[in-house]
Amino acid sequence: MTIFAEIKQATMEGNARGVTNLTKQALEAKVNINDIVNDGFISAMGIIGEKFKNGEIYVPEMLIAARAMKAGLKVLEPLLLLTTRDYIGKAIIGTVQGDLHDMGKNLVSMMLQGAGWDVIDLGVNVTPEKFVEAVVTHQPQIVGLSALLTTTMPAMKLTIEALVKAGLRDKVKVIVGGAPISAQFAEEIGADSYASDAGVAIEIAKKLVS
């Protein structure tokens, strides 16, 4: 079994310690960093995403695999900053103003990273102004808005309106998601798409930029 296959397997099993050690081994062996990411992490998370979509695994298994991947990326982080990577695209993601829930948002963020995206995670309780500022600074293709409370759903609309006002709306695709969100609501507030779960979010993001 190659080092890539071992990293892939450990990632799929959610073995964070194993992924960390194998990633260090790969670096010691002077293996190409992009190959570790593509043939190890991205390959693993592609299979995990497919299994989730098919109902073979559930959110806990996805989270465990995503965390294992993140452990490996942590080892590579200093070198990734010095290396030019071929990303699918760039995405900004955050939980909207007034909402402090982040599990769903974190999962989407990690899955996007695993699928080969450059992800800027703005965290929780993100104001419309902060989203606008991040779009200006990072120039992403995708903006992901998350909300878990019905009371914070209007903040999604305010964020989209802020992007319109700043003249940025036609430069990005907006995906919304969270427990109380629906496709109808997404359409009503002018979002480009609604993602019912992390697996769907990855597929939609890819389609929107292709």
Protein backbone atom coordinates (compact mmCIF):
# COMPACT_ATOMS: atom_id res chain seq x y z
CA MET A 1 0.00 0.00 0.00
CA THR A 2 1.39 3.43 -0.97
CA ILE A 3 1.69 6.24 1.56
CA PHE A 4 -1.17 8.02 -0.26
CA ALA A 5 -3.41 4.98 0.08
CA GLU A 6 -2.54 4.73 3.78
CA ILE A 7 -3.35 8.43 4.34
CA LYS A 8 -6.59 8.00 2.40
CA GLN A 9 -7.59 4.96 4.44
CA ALA A 10 -6.73 6.57 7.78
CA THR A 11 -8.69 9.69 6.80
CA MET A 12 -11.77 7.66 5.86
CA GLU A 13 -11.52 5.77 9.16
CA GLY A 14 -11.30 9.07 11.05
CA ASN A 15 -7.93 8.11 12.54
CA ALA A 16 -6.56 11.61 13.25
CA ARG A 17 -3.41 10.37 15.00
CA GLY A 18 -2.70 7.94 12.17
CA VAL A 19 -3.23 10.67 9.56
CA THR A 20 -0.90 13.01 11.45
CA ASN A 21 1.87 10.40 11.67
CA LEU A 22 1.49 9.27 8.05
CA THR A 23 1.54 12.86 6.80
CA LYS A 24 4.77 13.46 8.73
CA GLN A 25 6.23 10.27 7.22
CA ALA A 26 5.27 11.43 3.73
CA LEU A 27 6.99 14.78 4.31
CA GLU A 28 10.13 13.05 5.60
CA ALA A 29 10.13 10.96 2.42
CA LYS A 30 10.04 14.25 0.41
CA VAL A 31 6.69 13.38 -1.16
CA ASN A 32 5.01 16.16 -3.17
CA ILE A 33 2.60 18.10 -0.92
CA ASN A 34 -0.06 18.49 -3.61
CA ASP A 35 -0.02 14.70 -4.11
CA ILE A 36 -0.60 14.18 -0.37
CA VAL A 37 -3.58 16.55 -0.50
CA ASN A 38 -5.04 15.27 -3.77
CA ASP A 39 -4.35 11.52 -3.57
CA GLY A 40 -4.76 11.32 0.20
CA PHE A 41 -7.23 13.82 1.63
CA ILE A 42 -9.32 14.89 -1.36
CA SER A 43 -9.63 11.33 -2.61
CA ALA A 44 -10.76 10.16 0.85
CA MET A 45 -13.29 12.95 1.36
CA GLY A 46 -14.71 12.37 -2.13
CA ILE A 47 -15.58 8.81 -1.12
CA ILE A 48 -16.89 9.96 2.29
CA GLY A 49 -19.11 12.55 0.59
CA GLU A 50 -20.47 9.93 -1.80
CA LYS A 51 -21.20 7.49 1.03
CA PHE A 52 -23.00 10.24 2.95
CA LYS A 53 -25.10 11.11 -0.10
CA ASN A 54 -26.04 7.45 -0.50
CA GLY A 55 -27.03 7.10 3.17
CA GLU A 56 -24.20 4.65 3.91
CA ILE A 57 -22.78 6.91 6.63
CA TYR A 58 -24.15 9.79 8.71
CA VAL A 59 -23.04 13.18 10.06
CA PRO A 60 -20.89 11.80 12.94
CA GLU A 61 -18.83 9.65 10.55
CA MET A 62 -18.43 12.58 8.18
CA LEU A 63 -17.27 14.84 11.01
CA ILE A 64 -14.75 12.29 12.26
CA ALA A 65 -13.26 11.86 8.77
CA ALA A 66 -13.20 15.63 8.21
CA ARG A 67 -11.40 16.16 11.53
CA ALA A 68 -8.83 13.52 10.60
CA MET A 69 -8.24 15.35 7.32
CA LYS A 70 -7.87 18.62 9.22
CA ALA A 71 -5.23 17.02 11.46
CA GLY A 72 -3.23 16.13 8.36
CA LEU A 73 -3.67 19.58 6.84
CA LYS A 74 -2.40 21.07 10.11
CA VAL A 75 0.90 19.22 9.58
CA LEU A 76 1.09 20.56 6.01
CA GLU A 77 -0.08 24.09 6.84
CA PRO A 78 3.35 25.80 7.09
CA LEU A 79 4.38 24.30 3.74
CA LEU A 80 1.01 24.85 2.05
CA LEU A 81 1.40 28.57 2.69
CA LEU A 82 4.60 28.46 0.62
CA THR A 83 3.18 26.24 -2.12
CA THR A 84 0.90 27.16 -5.01
CA ARG A 85 -2.07 24.83 -4.96
CA ASP A 86 -4.61 24.23 -7.70
CA TYR A 87 -7.93 24.94 -6.01
CA ILE A 88 -11.36 24.34 -7.56
CA GLY A 89 -12.24 27.81 -6.33
CA LYS A 90 -12.49 30.02 -3.28
CA ALA A 91 -15.37 30.04 -0.81
CA ILE A 92 -16.31 32.24 2.14
CA ILE A 93 -18.55 30.71 4.76
CA GLY A 94 -20.08 31.89 8.02
CA THR A 95 -23.02 31.67 10.39
CA VAL A 96 -25.10 34.83 10.04
CA GLN A 97 -25.49 37.65 12.56
CA GLY A 98 -27.23 36.70 15.81
CA ASP A 99 -26.56 32.96 15.41
CA LEU A 100 -23.80 31.15 17.32
CA HIS A 101 -24.35 27.62 15.96
CA ASP A 102 -21.42 26.26 14.01
CA MET A 103 -21.54 22.45 13.71
CA GLY A 104 -23.20 22.41 10.29
CA LYS A 105 -21.09 25.32 9.09
CA ASN A 106 -17.88 23.64 10.29
CA LEU A 107 -18.80 20.41 8.52
CA VAL A 108 -19.46 22.21 5.22
CA SER A 109 -16.23 24.17 5.65
CA MET A 110 -14.16 21.00 6.22
CA MET A 111 -15.89 19.12 3.41
CA LEU A 112 -15.24 21.98 0.98
CA GLN A 113 -11.56 21.93 1.98
CA GLY A 114 -11.53 18.19 1.47
CA ALA A 115 -13.04 18.64 -1.99
CA GLY A 116 -10.22 20.98 -3.01
CA TRP A 117 -11.57 24.44 -2.20
CA ASP A 118 -9.73 27.35 -0.63
CA VAL A 119 -12.07 28.13 2.29
CA ILE A 120 -12.20 31.28 4.42
CA ASP A 121 -14.31 30.49 7.49
CA LEU A 122 -15.60 33.70 9.08
CA GLY A 123 -16.99 31.90 12.13
CA VAL A 124 -20.31 32.69 13.81
CA ASN A 125 -22.42 35.81 14.39
CA VAL A 126 -21.06 37.33 11.16
CA THR A 127 -22.57 40.69 10.25
CA PRO A 128 -23.58 41.56 6.67
CA GLU A 129 -20.77 44.14 6.68
CA LYS A 130 -18.19 41.46 7.55
CA PHE A 131 -19.40 39.27 4.67
CA VAL A 132 -19.11 42.24 2.30
CA GLU A 133 -15.62 43.06 3.60
CA ALA A 134 -14.53 39.42 3.17
CA VAL A 135 -15.83 39.31 -0.42
CA VAL A 136 -13.89 42.49 -1.25
CA THR A 137 -10.71 41.14 0.39
CA HIS A 138 -10.76 37.52 -0.79
CA GLN A 139 -12.78 37.69 -4.04
CA PRO A 140 -14.43 34.27 -3.72
CA GLN A 141 -16.73 32.56 -6.19
CA ILE A 142 -18.98 31.19 -3.44
CA VAL A 143 -20.49 32.73 -0.30
CA GLY A 144 -22.06 30.25 2.14
CA LEU A 145 -24.58 31.52 4.71
CA SER A 146 -25.64 29.31 7.61
CA ALA A 147 -28.45 29.76 10.16
CA LEU A 148 -29.94 27.35 12.67
CA LEU A 149 -32.51 29.67 14.28
CA THR A 150 -35.69 30.94 12.65
CA THR A 151 -34.98 34.28 14.35
CA THR A 152 -31.70 34.68 12.45
CA MET A 153 -33.05 33.74 9.02
CA PRO A 154 -33.74 37.43 8.16
CA ALA A 155 -30.00 38.10 8.56
CA MET A 156 -29.45 36.02 5.43
CA LYS A 157 -31.66 38.39 3.45
CA LEU A 158 -29.86 41.40 4.95
CA THR A 159 -26.50 39.90 3.97
CA ILE A 160 -27.60 39.38 0.36
CA GLU A 161 -29.00 42.92 0.28
CA ALA A 162 -25.66 44.22 1.59
CA LEU A 163 -23.85 42.41 -1.25
CA VAL A 164 -26.26 43.98 -3.74
CA LYS A 165 -25.75 47.45 -2.25
CA ALA A 166 -21.97 47.02 -2.43
CA GLY A 167 -22.21 46.05 -6.10
CA LEU A 168 -20.84 42.57 -5.39
CA ARG A 169 -23.90 40.36 -5.79
CA ASP A 170 -23.26 39.44 -9.43
CA LYS A 171 -19.65 38.51 -8.62
CA VAL A 172 -20.52 35.65 -6.22
CA LYS A 173 -22.88 32.69 -5.93
CA VAL A 174 -24.72 32.58 -2.61
CA ILE A 175 -25.60 29.21 -1.04
CA VAL A 176 -27.76 29.12 2.10
CA GLY A 177 -28.33 26.26 4.52
CA GLY A 178 -29.36 25.25 8.03
CA ALA A 179 -32.18 23.42 9.77
CA PRO A 180 -34.98 25.99 9.26
CA ILE A 181 -33.96 26.94 5.70
CA SER A 182 -35.80 25.69 2.61
CA ALA A 183 -35.41 25.98 -1.16
CA GLN A 184 -38.44 28.29 -1.19
CA PHE A 185 -36.86 30.60 1.40
CA ALA A 186 -33.59 30.64 -0.57
CA GLU A 187 -35.50 31.74 -3.66
CA GLU A 188 -37.46 34.39 -1.74
CA ILE A 189 -34.31 36.09 -0.41
CA GLY A 190 -32.45 35.96 -3.73
CA ALA A 191 -29.90 33.24 -2.95
CA ASP A 192 -28.53 31.17 -5.83
CA SER A 193 -29.12 27.85 -4.14
CA TYR A 194 -30.14 25.97 -1.00
CA ALA A 195 -28.10 23.08 0.42
CA SER A 196 -29.94 20.60 2.60
CA ASP A 197 -26.70 19.09 3.95
CA ALA A 198 -22.91 19.22 3.62
CA GLY A 199 -22.75 16.63 0.82
CA VAL A 200 -25.26 18.59 -1.25
CA ALA A 201 -23.41 21.85 -0.54
CA ILE A 202 -20.22 20.46 -2.09
CA GLU A 203 -22.05 19.32 -5.23
CA ILE A 204 -23.88 22.64 -5.61
CA ALA A 205 -20.72 24.70 -5.13
CA LYS A 206 -18.96 22.71 -7.86
CA LYS A 207 -21.90 23.10 -10.26
CA LEU A 208 -22.21 26.83 -9.62
CA VAL A 209 -18.61 27.52 -10.62
CA SER A 210 -18.33 25.03 -13.48
